[in-house]
Amino acid sequence: MAKSRAQQAAIAISMKKAGKKPKSLTKAQKGISVKPTADSTAYYKKEIAGYDALIKSEPKTKMGQSNVNVYLDYRSKAYDNLNRQSLKGKPGYDKNGFPIKKSTTKKNK
């Protein structure tokens, strides 16, 4: 195992030149800096307000509130998207605020 990142990179390059696949460890992609996309906070706030209005205007029925449950699900997704706006471009997150997945490579034995 290499003692430093530079040494690990040198080993990986030499193995690649030799035609071997270097072993890779699972690591979170943290140090990547990306330019975030435009902020969509206002859009999602407006969307949440629209779903709130639909929920309030939905007539109550004896059979159930199936439409209300659908609107609640959509409103919940809009809240998740609203919260995601603050994570755009931060370390560990991509330009849209989603977590960067860990990269893995199968280890050769």
N, C-alpha and C. Protein backbone atom coordinates (compact mmCIF):
# COMPACT_ATOMS: atom_id res chain seq x y z
N MET A 1 0.84 -1.18 0.00
CA MET A 1 0.00 0.00 0.00
C MET A 1 0.88 1.23 0.00
N ALA A 2 0.50 2.23 -0.76
CA ALA A 2 1.27 3.45 -0.87
C ALA A 2 1.09 4.31 0.38
N LYS A 3 2.15 5.09 0.69
CA LYS A 3 2.12 5.92 1.88
C LYS A 3 1.47 7.28 1.63
N SER A 4 1.47 7.74 0.40
CA SER A 4 0.89 9.04 0.09
C SER A 4 0.05 8.94 -1.18
N ARG A 5 -0.72 9.98 -1.41
CA ARG A 5 -1.56 10.01 -2.62
C ARG A 5 -0.70 10.06 -3.88
N ALA A 6 0.38 10.82 -3.82
CA ALA A 6 1.26 10.94 -4.98
C ALA A 6 1.88 9.58 -5.31
N GLN A 7 2.29 8.86 -4.28
CA GLN A 7 2.89 7.54 -4.48
C GLN A 7 1.84 6.58 -5.05
N GLN A 8 0.60 6.66 -4.52
CA GLN A 8 -0.49 5.81 -5.01
C GLN A 8 -0.78 6.13 -6.48
N ALA A 9 -0.76 7.41 -6.83
CA ALA A 9 -1.01 7.81 -8.22
C ALA A 9 0.10 7.29 -9.14
N ALA A 10 1.33 7.36 -8.68
CA ALA A 10 2.45 6.86 -9.48
C ALA A 10 2.34 5.35 -9.70
N ILE A 11 1.93 4.63 -8.67
CA ILE A 11 1.74 3.18 -8.80
C ILE A 11 0.63 2.89 -9.80
N ALA A 12 -0.47 3.64 -9.69
CA ALA A 12 -1.61 3.43 -10.60
C ALA A 12 -1.21 3.70 -12.04
N ILE A 13 -0.41 4.74 -12.28
CA ILE A 13 0.02 5.07 -13.64
C ILE A 13 0.92 3.98 -14.20
N SER A 14 1.86 3.50 -13.37
CA SER A 14 2.76 2.45 -13.85
C SER A 14 2.01 1.15 -14.13
N MET A 15 1.01 0.84 -13.29
CA MET A 15 0.22 -0.36 -13.53
C MET A 15 -0.60 -0.21 -14.81
N LYS A 16 -1.11 1.00 -15.06
CA LYS A 16 -1.91 1.24 -16.26
C LYS A 16 -1.05 1.08 -17.51
N LYS A 17 0.19 1.57 -17.45
CA LYS A 17 1.11 1.42 -18.58
C LYS A 17 1.43 -0.04 -18.83
N ALA A 18 1.49 -0.83 -17.75
CA ALA A 18 1.81 -2.25 -17.87
C ALA A 18 0.59 -3.06 -18.31
N GLY A 19 -0.58 -2.42 -18.39
CA GLY A 19 -1.78 -3.12 -18.82
C GLY A 19 -2.54 -3.78 -17.68
N LYS A 20 -2.18 -3.49 -16.45
CA LYS A 20 -2.89 -4.04 -15.30
C LYS A 20 -3.86 -3.01 -14.77
N LYS A 21 -4.91 -3.49 -14.14
CA LYS A 21 -5.89 -2.61 -13.56
C LYS A 21 -5.53 -2.37 -12.09
N PRO A 22 -5.35 -1.12 -11.67
CA PRO A 22 -5.01 -0.86 -10.27
C PRO A 22 -6.21 -1.12 -9.36
N LYS A 23 -5.92 -1.54 -8.13
CA LYS A 23 -7.00 -1.74 -7.16
C LYS A 23 -7.47 -0.38 -6.70
N SER A 24 -8.75 -0.28 -6.45
CA SER A 24 -9.31 0.99 -6.04
C SER A 24 -10.08 0.81 -4.75
N LEU A 25 -9.95 1.74 -3.86
CA LEU A 25 -10.70 1.71 -2.61
C LEU A 25 -11.94 2.57 -2.77
N THR A 26 -12.97 2.28 -1.98
CA THR A 26 -14.19 3.06 -2.01
C THR A 26 -13.92 4.38 -1.30
N LYS A 27 -14.12 5.48 -1.99
CA LYS A 27 -13.89 6.79 -1.39
C LYS A 27 -15.01 7.72 -1.81
N ALA A 28 -15.42 8.58 -0.88
CA ALA A 28 -16.38 9.61 -1.22
C ALA A 28 -15.66 10.69 -2.00
N GLN A 29 -16.31 11.24 -2.99
CA GLN A 29 -15.72 12.28 -3.81
C GLN A 29 -15.93 13.62 -3.12
N LYS A 30 -14.99 14.06 -2.29
CA LYS A 30 -15.21 15.26 -1.51
C LYS A 30 -14.60 16.51 -2.11
N GLY A 31 -13.39 16.51 -2.54
CA GLY A 31 -12.70 17.73 -2.92
C GLY A 31 -13.10 18.32 -4.25
N ILE A 32 -14.10 17.79 -4.90
CA ILE A 32 -14.48 18.25 -6.23
C ILE A 32 -15.30 19.53 -6.11
N SER A 33 -14.88 20.57 -6.79
CA SER A 33 -15.58 21.84 -6.79
C SER A 33 -16.27 22.00 -8.14
N VAL A 34 -17.56 22.23 -8.12
CA VAL A 34 -18.31 22.40 -9.37
C VAL A 34 -19.08 23.71 -9.31
N LYS A 35 -19.38 24.24 -10.48
CA LYS A 35 -20.18 25.46 -10.55
C LYS A 35 -21.65 25.06 -10.41
N PRO A 36 -22.34 25.58 -9.39
CA PRO A 36 -23.73 25.20 -9.19
C PRO A 36 -24.64 25.76 -10.28
N THR A 37 -25.74 25.07 -10.53
CA THR A 37 -26.73 25.57 -11.48
C THR A 37 -27.52 26.70 -10.81
N ALA A 38 -28.33 27.37 -11.57
CA ALA A 38 -29.11 28.50 -11.06
C ALA A 38 -30.00 28.06 -9.90
N ASP A 39 -30.17 28.95 -8.95
CA ASP A 39 -30.98 28.64 -7.77
C ASP A 39 -32.46 28.58 -8.15
N SER A 40 -33.14 27.53 -7.72
CA SER A 40 -34.55 27.33 -8.05
C SER A 40 -35.45 27.40 -6.83
N THR A 41 -34.99 28.08 -5.79
CA THR A 41 -35.74 28.15 -4.54
C THR A 41 -37.13 28.74 -4.76
N ALA A 42 -37.23 29.83 -5.50
CA ALA A 42 -38.52 30.49 -5.74
C ALA A 42 -39.48 29.55 -6.47
N TYR A 43 -38.95 28.80 -7.42
CA TYR A 43 -39.79 27.87 -8.18
C TYR A 43 -40.40 26.82 -7.24
N TYR A 44 -39.59 26.23 -6.37
CA TYR A 44 -40.10 25.19 -5.49
C TYR A 44 -41.01 25.75 -4.41
N LYS A 45 -40.78 26.98 -3.96
CA LYS A 45 -41.70 27.60 -3.00
C LYS A 45 -43.07 27.80 -3.63
N LYS A 46 -43.06 28.23 -4.91
CA LYS A 46 -44.32 28.43 -5.63
C LYS A 46 -45.03 27.09 -5.84
N GLU A 47 -44.26 26.06 -6.12
CA GLU A 47 -44.83 24.72 -6.32
C GLU A 47 -45.46 24.20 -5.02
N ILE A 48 -44.79 24.41 -3.90
CA ILE A 48 -45.32 23.98 -2.60
C ILE A 48 -46.61 24.72 -2.29
N ALA A 49 -46.64 26.03 -2.55
CA ALA A 49 -47.85 26.81 -2.31
C ALA A 49 -49.00 26.32 -3.18
N GLY A 50 -48.71 25.93 -4.41
CA GLY A 50 -49.75 25.40 -5.30
C GLY A 50 -50.33 24.09 -4.77
N TYR A 51 -49.46 23.21 -4.27
CA TYR A 51 -49.96 21.95 -3.71
C TYR A 51 -50.74 22.19 -2.42
N ASP A 52 -50.31 23.17 -1.61
CA ASP A 52 -51.07 23.50 -0.40
C ASP A 52 -52.47 23.97 -0.76
N ALA A 53 -52.58 24.79 -1.81
CA ALA A 53 -53.89 25.28 -2.26
C ALA A 53 -54.76 24.13 -2.76
N LEU A 54 -54.15 23.19 -3.49
CA LEU A 54 -54.91 22.03 -3.99
C LEU A 54 -55.42 21.17 -2.83
N ILE A 55 -54.59 21.00 -1.83
CA ILE A 55 -54.99 20.17 -0.68
C ILE A 55 -56.14 20.83 0.06
N LYS A 56 -56.08 22.16 0.25
CA LYS A 56 -57.15 22.87 0.96
C LYS A 56 -58.45 22.87 0.17
N SER A 57 -58.36 22.94 -1.15
CA SER A 57 -59.56 23.02 -1.98
C SER A 57 -60.17 21.65 -2.29
N GLU A 58 -59.45 20.59 -1.98
CA GLU A 58 -59.94 19.23 -2.28
C GLU A 58 -61.17 18.93 -1.42
N PRO A 59 -62.27 18.56 -2.06
CA PRO A 59 -63.47 18.26 -1.27
C PRO A 59 -63.29 16.97 -0.46
N LYS A 60 -63.81 16.99 0.73
CA LYS A 60 -63.75 15.81 1.59
C LYS A 60 -64.83 14.83 1.14
N THR A 61 -64.48 13.58 0.96
CA THR A 61 -65.42 12.57 0.53
C THR A 61 -65.51 11.47 1.57
N LYS A 62 -66.58 10.73 1.52
CA LYS A 62 -66.76 9.62 2.45
C LYS A 62 -65.88 8.44 2.06
N MET A 63 -65.55 8.33 0.80
CA MET A 63 -64.80 7.17 0.30
C MET A 63 -63.31 7.24 0.64
N GLY A 64 -62.78 8.40 0.84
CA GLY A 64 -61.36 8.50 1.13
C GLY A 64 -60.76 9.77 0.56
N GLN A 65 -59.51 9.98 0.83
CA GLN A 65 -58.83 11.19 0.37
C GLN A 65 -57.63 10.81 -0.49
N SER A 66 -57.88 10.04 -1.53
CA SER A 66 -56.77 9.56 -2.36
C SER A 66 -56.03 10.70 -3.05
N ASN A 67 -56.75 11.71 -3.55
CA ASN A 67 -56.09 12.83 -4.22
C ASN A 67 -55.24 13.64 -3.24
N VAL A 68 -55.71 13.78 -2.02
CA VAL A 68 -54.95 14.53 -1.01
C VAL A 68 -53.62 13.82 -0.75
N ASN A 69 -53.64 12.51 -0.69
CA ASN A 69 -52.40 11.77 -0.45
C ASN A 69 -51.42 11.95 -1.60
N VAL A 70 -51.92 12.00 -2.82
CA VAL A 70 -51.06 12.23 -3.98
C VAL A 70 -50.45 13.62 -3.90
N TYR A 71 -51.26 14.62 -3.56
CA TYR A 71 -50.76 15.99 -3.44
C TYR A 71 -49.73 16.09 -2.32
N LEU A 72 -49.96 15.38 -1.23
CA LEU A 72 -49.00 15.39 -0.13
C LEU A 72 -47.66 14.79 -0.55
N ASP A 73 -47.70 13.74 -1.37
CA ASP A 73 -46.46 13.13 -1.87
C ASP A 73 -45.70 14.12 -2.76
N TYR A 74 -46.42 14.80 -3.66
CA TYR A 74 -45.79 15.78 -4.54
C TYR A 74 -45.22 16.94 -3.73
N ARG A 75 -45.97 17.38 -2.72
CA ARG A 75 -45.49 18.48 -1.88
C ARG A 75 -44.24 18.07 -1.11
N SER A 76 -44.20 16.81 -0.66
CA SER A 76 -43.02 16.31 0.05
C SER A 76 -41.79 16.31 -0.86
N LYS A 77 -41.98 15.89 -2.13
CA LYS A 77 -40.87 15.90 -3.09
C LYS A 77 -40.41 17.33 -3.37
N ALA A 78 -41.36 18.27 -3.42
CA ALA A 78 -41.00 19.67 -3.65
C ALA A 78 -40.21 20.22 -2.47
N TYR A 79 -40.56 19.83 -1.24
CA TYR A 79 -39.78 20.23 -0.05
C TYR A 79 -38.36 19.67 -0.13
N ASP A 80 -38.23 18.40 -0.54
CA ASP A 80 -36.90 17.81 -0.69
C ASP A 80 -36.06 18.59 -1.70
N ASN A 81 -36.68 18.95 -2.83
CA ASN A 81 -35.98 19.73 -3.85
C ASN A 81 -35.62 21.12 -3.34
N LEU A 82 -36.50 21.71 -2.54
CA LEU A 82 -36.22 23.03 -1.97
C LEU A 82 -35.01 22.95 -1.03
N ASN A 83 -34.95 21.93 -0.21
CA ASN A 83 -33.83 21.76 0.71
C ASN A 83 -32.53 21.47 -0.03
N ARG A 84 -32.63 20.81 -1.17
CA ARG A 84 -31.46 20.45 -1.96
C ARG A 84 -30.79 21.68 -2.57
N GLN A 85 -31.53 22.78 -2.73
CA GLN A 85 -30.99 23.97 -3.37
C GLN A 85 -29.78 24.53 -2.61
N SER A 86 -29.77 24.39 -1.30
CA SER A 86 -28.67 24.94 -0.51
C SER A 86 -27.40 24.10 -0.63
N LEU A 87 -27.49 22.90 -1.18
CA LEU A 87 -26.33 22.01 -1.28
C LEU A 87 -25.63 22.08 -2.63
N LYS A 88 -26.15 22.86 -3.56
CA LYS A 88 -25.59 22.93 -4.92
C LYS A 88 -24.15 23.41 -4.89
N GLY A 89 -23.26 22.62 -5.50
CA GLY A 89 -21.87 23.01 -5.65
C GLY A 89 -21.01 22.87 -4.41
N LYS A 90 -21.58 22.44 -3.30
CA LYS A 90 -20.80 22.25 -2.07
C LYS A 90 -19.96 20.98 -2.19
N PRO A 91 -18.87 20.88 -1.43
CA PRO A 91 -18.05 19.66 -1.48
C PRO A 91 -18.87 18.42 -1.13
N GLY A 92 -18.77 17.39 -1.94
CA GLY A 92 -19.53 16.17 -1.74
C GLY A 92 -20.86 16.14 -2.47
N TYR A 93 -21.22 17.26 -3.13
CA TYR A 93 -22.48 17.35 -3.86
C TYR A 93 -22.20 17.83 -5.27
N ASP A 94 -23.05 17.42 -6.23
CA ASP A 94 -22.84 17.84 -7.61
C ASP A 94 -23.46 19.22 -7.86
N LYS A 95 -23.46 19.65 -9.12
CA LYS A 95 -23.93 21.00 -9.45
C LYS A 95 -25.42 21.20 -9.21
N ASN A 96 -26.17 20.12 -9.06
CA ASN A 96 -27.60 20.21 -8.79
C ASN A 96 -27.96 19.92 -7.34
N GLY A 97 -26.96 19.67 -6.49
CA GLY A 97 -27.20 19.47 -5.07
C GLY A 97 -27.40 18.02 -4.66
N PHE A 98 -27.23 17.10 -5.59
CA PHE A 98 -27.35 15.68 -5.25
C PHE A 98 -26.01 15.17 -4.72
N PRO A 99 -26.02 14.23 -3.76
CA PRO A 99 -24.75 13.70 -3.26
C PRO A 99 -23.98 12.98 -4.36
N ILE A 100 -22.66 13.18 -4.37
CA ILE A 100 -21.82 12.48 -5.34
C ILE A 100 -21.63 11.07 -4.84
N LYS A 101 -21.93 10.11 -5.69
CA LYS A 101 -21.86 8.70 -5.30
C LYS A 101 -20.40 8.26 -5.19
N LYS A 102 -20.19 7.27 -4.34
CA LYS A 102 -18.85 6.73 -4.16
C LYS A 102 -18.49 5.91 -5.39
N SER A 103 -17.23 6.05 -5.83
CA SER A 103 -16.79 5.28 -6.98
C SER A 103 -16.07 4.03 -6.49
N THR A 104 -16.37 2.94 -7.12
CA THR A 104 -15.72 1.68 -6.74
C THR A 104 -15.29 0.95 -8.00
N THR A 105 -14.28 0.14 -7.84
CA THR A 105 -13.79 -0.72 -8.90
C THR A 105 -13.64 -2.10 -8.30
N LYS A 106 -13.98 -3.13 -9.06
CA LYS A 106 -13.81 -4.49 -8.55
C LYS A 106 -12.33 -4.76 -8.35
N LYS A 107 -12.03 -5.36 -7.22
CA LYS A 107 -10.64 -5.69 -6.91
C LYS A 107 -10.26 -7.01 -7.58
N ASN A 108 -9.11 -7.02 -8.23
CA ASN A 108 -8.60 -8.26 -8.85
C ASN A 108 -7.79 -9.02 -7.81
N LYS A 109 -7.97 -10.31 -7.78
CA LYS A 109 -7.20 -11.12 -6.82
C LYS A 109 -6.20 -11.96 -7.53
